[in-house]
Amino acid sequence: MKTRIVRIGNSRGVRIPKPLIEQAKLGEEVELRVVKGGLLVKSASAPRSSWADAARQLHERGEDGLLDETSPTLFDETEWEWR
């Protein structure tokens, strides 16, 4: 699909038809990246937005334990008071 670059103040913009926005699942914010021969427009994702879902899936599979065994530290052995 061809479109025109339009003036928006001191900047330029491209109007993206609603069907393309819906098909690409673009939200209110997008990321722009220069690629060879053009620009890439993609949905902006919040950092770590999928971590909660990934942690839930690990828990459901029983894979959310520690990777390494715990080992006592000098503080544990000399300064910690167990009651």
N, C-alpha and C. Protein backbone atom coordinates (compact mmCIF):
# COMPACT_ATOMS: atom_id res chain seq x y z
N MET A 1 0.84 -1.16 0.00
CA MET A 1 0.00 0.00 0.00
C MET A 1 0.89 1.24 0.00
N LYS A 2 0.63 2.19 -0.86
CA LYS A 2 1.38 3.44 -0.90
C LYS A 2 0.63 4.51 -0.14
N THR A 3 1.38 5.41 0.47
CA THR A 3 0.80 6.57 1.14
C THR A 3 1.78 7.71 1.02
N ARG A 4 1.41 8.87 1.47
CA ARG A 4 2.26 10.05 1.35
C ARG A 4 2.79 10.45 2.73
N ILE A 5 3.97 11.06 2.72
CA ILE A 5 4.52 11.65 3.93
C ILE A 5 3.94 13.06 4.01
N VAL A 6 3.31 13.40 5.15
CA VAL A 6 2.65 14.69 5.31
C VAL A 6 3.37 15.54 6.35
N ARG A 7 3.22 16.83 6.23
CA ARG A 7 3.83 17.76 7.18
C ARG A 7 2.98 17.82 8.45
N ILE A 8 3.64 17.71 9.60
CA ILE A 8 2.99 17.86 10.91
C ILE A 8 3.89 18.80 11.71
N GLY A 9 3.61 20.10 11.66
CA GLY A 9 4.48 21.08 12.30
C GLY A 9 5.84 21.06 11.61
N ASN A 10 6.90 20.94 12.40
CA ASN A 10 8.25 20.86 11.84
C ASN A 10 8.65 19.43 11.49
N SER A 11 7.77 18.49 11.78
CA SER A 11 8.06 17.08 11.53
C SER A 11 7.30 16.60 10.30
N ARG A 12 7.41 15.34 10.03
CA ARG A 12 6.67 14.69 8.96
C ARG A 12 6.00 13.46 9.54
N GLY A 13 4.92 13.04 8.94
CA GLY A 13 4.21 11.87 9.43
C GLY A 13 3.64 11.05 8.31
N VAL A 14 3.23 9.86 8.66
CA VAL A 14 2.60 8.94 7.72
C VAL A 14 1.27 8.54 8.34
N ARG A 15 0.21 8.64 7.59
CA ARG A 15 -1.10 8.19 8.07
C ARG A 15 -1.19 6.69 7.83
N ILE A 16 -1.51 5.97 8.88
CA ILE A 16 -1.63 4.52 8.78
C ILE A 16 -3.10 4.17 8.83
N PRO A 17 -3.62 3.53 7.80
CA PRO A 17 -5.05 3.17 7.80
C PRO A 17 -5.40 2.25 8.97
N LYS A 18 -6.59 2.44 9.53
CA LYS A 18 -7.05 1.68 10.68
C LYS A 18 -6.95 0.16 10.47
N PRO A 19 -7.32 -0.39 9.30
CA PRO A 19 -7.19 -1.84 9.13
C PRO A 19 -5.75 -2.35 9.30
N LEU A 20 -4.78 -1.55 8.86
CA LEU A 20 -3.38 -1.97 9.04
C LEU A 20 -2.98 -1.90 10.51
N ILE A 21 -3.44 -0.88 11.21
CA ILE A 21 -3.14 -0.76 12.64
C ILE A 21 -3.71 -1.95 13.40
N GLU A 22 -4.94 -2.32 13.08
CA GLU A 22 -5.57 -3.47 13.74
C GLU A 22 -4.86 -4.76 13.38
N GLN A 23 -4.52 -4.94 12.13
CA GLN A 23 -3.86 -6.18 11.69
C GLN A 23 -2.48 -6.32 12.35
N ALA A 24 -1.77 -5.19 12.50
CA ALA A 24 -0.44 -5.22 13.12
C ALA A 24 -0.51 -5.17 14.64
N LYS A 25 -1.73 -5.00 15.18
CA LYS A 25 -1.94 -4.92 16.64
C LYS A 25 -1.10 -3.81 17.26
N LEU A 26 -1.12 -2.63 16.62
CA LEU A 26 -0.39 -1.49 17.14
C LEU A 26 -1.24 -0.78 18.19
N GLY A 27 -0.61 -0.36 19.27
CA GLY A 27 -1.30 0.38 20.31
C GLY A 27 -1.08 1.87 20.13
N GLU A 28 -1.21 2.61 21.22
CA GLU A 28 -1.04 4.06 21.17
C GLU A 28 0.42 4.45 21.00
N GLU A 29 1.34 3.62 21.46
CA GLU A 29 2.77 3.90 21.32
C GLU A 29 3.40 2.85 20.42
N VAL A 30 4.32 3.31 19.58
CA VAL A 30 5.05 2.41 18.70
C VAL A 30 6.54 2.71 18.81
N GLU A 31 7.35 1.76 18.40
CA GLU A 31 8.79 1.94 18.31
C GLU A 31 9.14 2.09 16.84
N LEU A 32 10.03 3.02 16.55
CA LEU A 32 10.53 3.20 15.19
C LEU A 32 11.99 2.81 15.15
N ARG A 33 12.38 2.12 14.11
CA ARG A 33 13.77 1.71 13.95
C ARG A 33 14.14 1.85 12.48
N VAL A 34 15.31 2.39 12.23
CA VAL A 34 15.81 2.49 10.87
C VAL A 34 16.35 1.13 10.46
N VAL A 35 15.88 0.64 9.33
CA VAL A 35 16.39 -0.61 8.77
C VAL A 35 16.87 -0.30 7.35
N LYS A 36 17.61 -1.22 6.79
CA LYS A 36 18.14 -1.00 5.44
C LYS A 36 16.98 -0.70 4.48
N GLY A 37 16.99 0.47 3.93
CA GLY A 37 15.98 0.84 2.95
C GLY A 37 14.68 1.36 3.51
N GLY A 38 14.58 1.61 4.82
CA GLY A 38 13.31 2.11 5.33
C GLY A 38 13.23 2.24 6.83
N LEU A 39 12.01 2.27 7.30
CA LEU A 39 11.70 2.35 8.73
C LEU A 39 10.87 1.13 9.13
N LEU A 40 11.10 0.66 10.32
CA LEU A 40 10.30 -0.42 10.89
C LEU A 40 9.45 0.19 11.98
N VAL A 41 8.15 -0.04 11.92
CA VAL A 41 7.21 0.42 12.95
C VAL A 41 6.70 -0.82 13.66
N LYS A 42 6.87 -0.86 14.98
CA LYS A 42 6.37 -2.02 15.74
C LYS A 42 5.79 -1.56 17.05
N SER A 43 4.95 -2.40 17.62
CA SER A 43 4.32 -2.07 18.91
C SER A 43 5.38 -1.85 19.96
N ALA A 44 5.18 -0.80 20.75
CA ALA A 44 6.07 -0.55 21.87
C ALA A 44 5.65 -1.47 23.00
N SER A 45 6.59 -2.20 23.53
CA SER A 45 6.25 -3.09 24.65
C SER A 45 6.92 -2.56 25.90
N ALA A 46 6.22 -2.68 27.00
CA ALA A 46 6.77 -2.25 28.28
C ALA A 46 7.85 -3.23 28.70
N PRO A 47 8.96 -2.73 29.23
CA PRO A 47 10.01 -3.62 29.70
C PRO A 47 9.45 -4.58 30.75
N ARG A 48 9.82 -5.82 30.64
CA ARG A 48 9.44 -6.87 31.59
C ARG A 48 7.94 -7.10 31.65
N SER A 49 7.20 -6.70 30.63
CA SER A 49 5.75 -6.83 30.67
C SER A 49 5.30 -8.29 30.71
N SER A 50 6.11 -9.20 30.21
CA SER A 50 5.71 -10.61 30.17
C SER A 50 6.28 -11.42 31.33
N TRP A 51 7.00 -10.78 32.25
CA TRP A 51 7.64 -11.52 33.33
C TRP A 51 6.63 -12.18 34.26
N ALA A 52 5.55 -11.50 34.59
CA ALA A 52 4.57 -12.06 35.51
C ALA A 52 3.94 -13.32 34.92
N ASP A 53 3.63 -13.29 33.64
CA ASP A 53 3.04 -14.45 32.98
C ASP A 53 4.05 -15.60 32.92
N ALA A 54 5.30 -15.27 32.63
CA ALA A 54 6.34 -16.31 32.58
C ALA A 54 6.54 -16.93 33.97
N ALA A 55 6.52 -16.12 35.03
CA ALA A 55 6.69 -16.63 36.39
C ALA A 55 5.51 -17.54 36.76
N ARG A 56 4.30 -17.15 36.37
CA ARG A 56 3.12 -17.97 36.66
C ARG A 56 3.24 -19.33 35.96
N GLN A 57 3.69 -19.33 34.71
CA GLN A 57 3.83 -20.59 33.98
C GLN A 57 4.89 -21.48 34.62
N LEU A 58 6.01 -20.89 35.07
CA LEU A 58 7.04 -21.67 35.76
C LEU A 58 6.47 -22.29 37.04
N HIS A 59 5.71 -21.50 37.79
CA HIS A 59 5.12 -22.00 39.03
C HIS A 59 4.16 -23.16 38.75
N GLU A 60 3.33 -23.01 37.72
CA GLU A 60 2.38 -24.07 37.37
C GLU A 60 3.09 -25.37 36.99
N ARG A 61 4.27 -25.25 36.39
CA ARG A 61 5.04 -26.44 36.01
C ARG A 61 5.95 -26.93 37.14
N GLY A 62 5.96 -26.21 38.27
CA GLY A 62 6.81 -26.61 39.39
C GLY A 62 8.28 -26.33 39.13
N GLU A 63 8.58 -25.39 38.26
CA GLU A 63 9.96 -25.08 37.89
C GLU A 63 10.40 -23.72 38.42
N ASP A 64 9.81 -23.28 39.53
CA ASP A 64 10.11 -21.95 40.04
C ASP A 64 11.01 -21.98 41.27
N GLY A 65 11.75 -23.05 41.45
CA GLY A 65 12.65 -23.14 42.60
C GLY A 65 13.98 -22.45 42.33
N LEU A 66 14.83 -22.47 43.34
CA LEU A 66 16.16 -21.89 43.21
C LEU A 66 17.00 -22.73 42.25
N LEU A 67 17.87 -22.07 41.51
CA LEU A 67 18.75 -22.79 40.59
C LEU A 67 19.93 -23.42 41.32
N ASP A 68 20.41 -22.75 42.35
CA ASP A 68 21.56 -23.24 43.12
C ASP A 68 21.14 -23.50 44.55
N GLU A 69 21.81 -24.44 45.17
CA GLU A 69 21.58 -24.71 46.58
C GLU A 69 22.06 -23.51 47.39
N THR A 70 21.38 -23.24 48.50
CA THR A 70 21.84 -22.16 49.37
C THR A 70 23.03 -22.63 50.17
N SER A 71 23.92 -21.72 50.47
CA SER A 71 25.07 -22.06 51.30
C SER A 71 25.21 -20.99 52.37
N PRO A 72 25.55 -21.40 53.60
CA PRO A 72 25.65 -20.42 54.68
C PRO A 72 26.80 -19.45 54.44
N THR A 73 26.63 -18.24 54.90
CA THR A 73 27.67 -17.22 54.79
C THR A 73 28.33 -17.05 56.15
N LEU A 74 29.37 -16.27 56.19
CA LEU A 74 30.05 -15.99 57.45
C LEU A 74 29.08 -15.33 58.43
N PHE A 75 28.21 -14.45 57.94
CA PHE A 75 27.21 -13.82 58.79
C PHE A 75 26.30 -14.88 59.41
N ASP A 76 25.87 -15.84 58.61
CA ASP A 76 25.00 -16.90 59.12
C ASP A 76 25.68 -17.69 60.22
N GLU A 77 26.95 -17.95 60.06
CA GLU A 77 27.67 -18.81 60.99
C GLU A 77 28.12 -18.09 62.26
N THR A 78 28.41 -16.79 62.18
CA THR A 78 28.98 -16.11 63.35
C THR A 78 28.08 -15.05 63.97
N GLU A 79 27.28 -14.35 63.20
CA GLU A 79 26.55 -13.22 63.74
C GLU A 79 25.05 -13.45 63.86
N TRP A 80 24.54 -14.41 63.17
CA TRP A 80 23.10 -14.63 63.20
C TRP A 80 22.72 -15.35 64.47
N GLU A 81 21.66 -14.90 65.10
CA GLU A 81 21.21 -15.51 66.33
C GLU A 81 19.93 -16.28 66.04
N TRP A 82 20.00 -17.58 66.11
CA TRP A 82 18.83 -18.42 65.86
C TRP A 82 18.06 -18.58 67.17
N ARG A 83 16.77 -18.39 67.12
CA ARG A 83 15.96 -18.53 68.35
C ARG A 83 15.01 -19.66 68.21
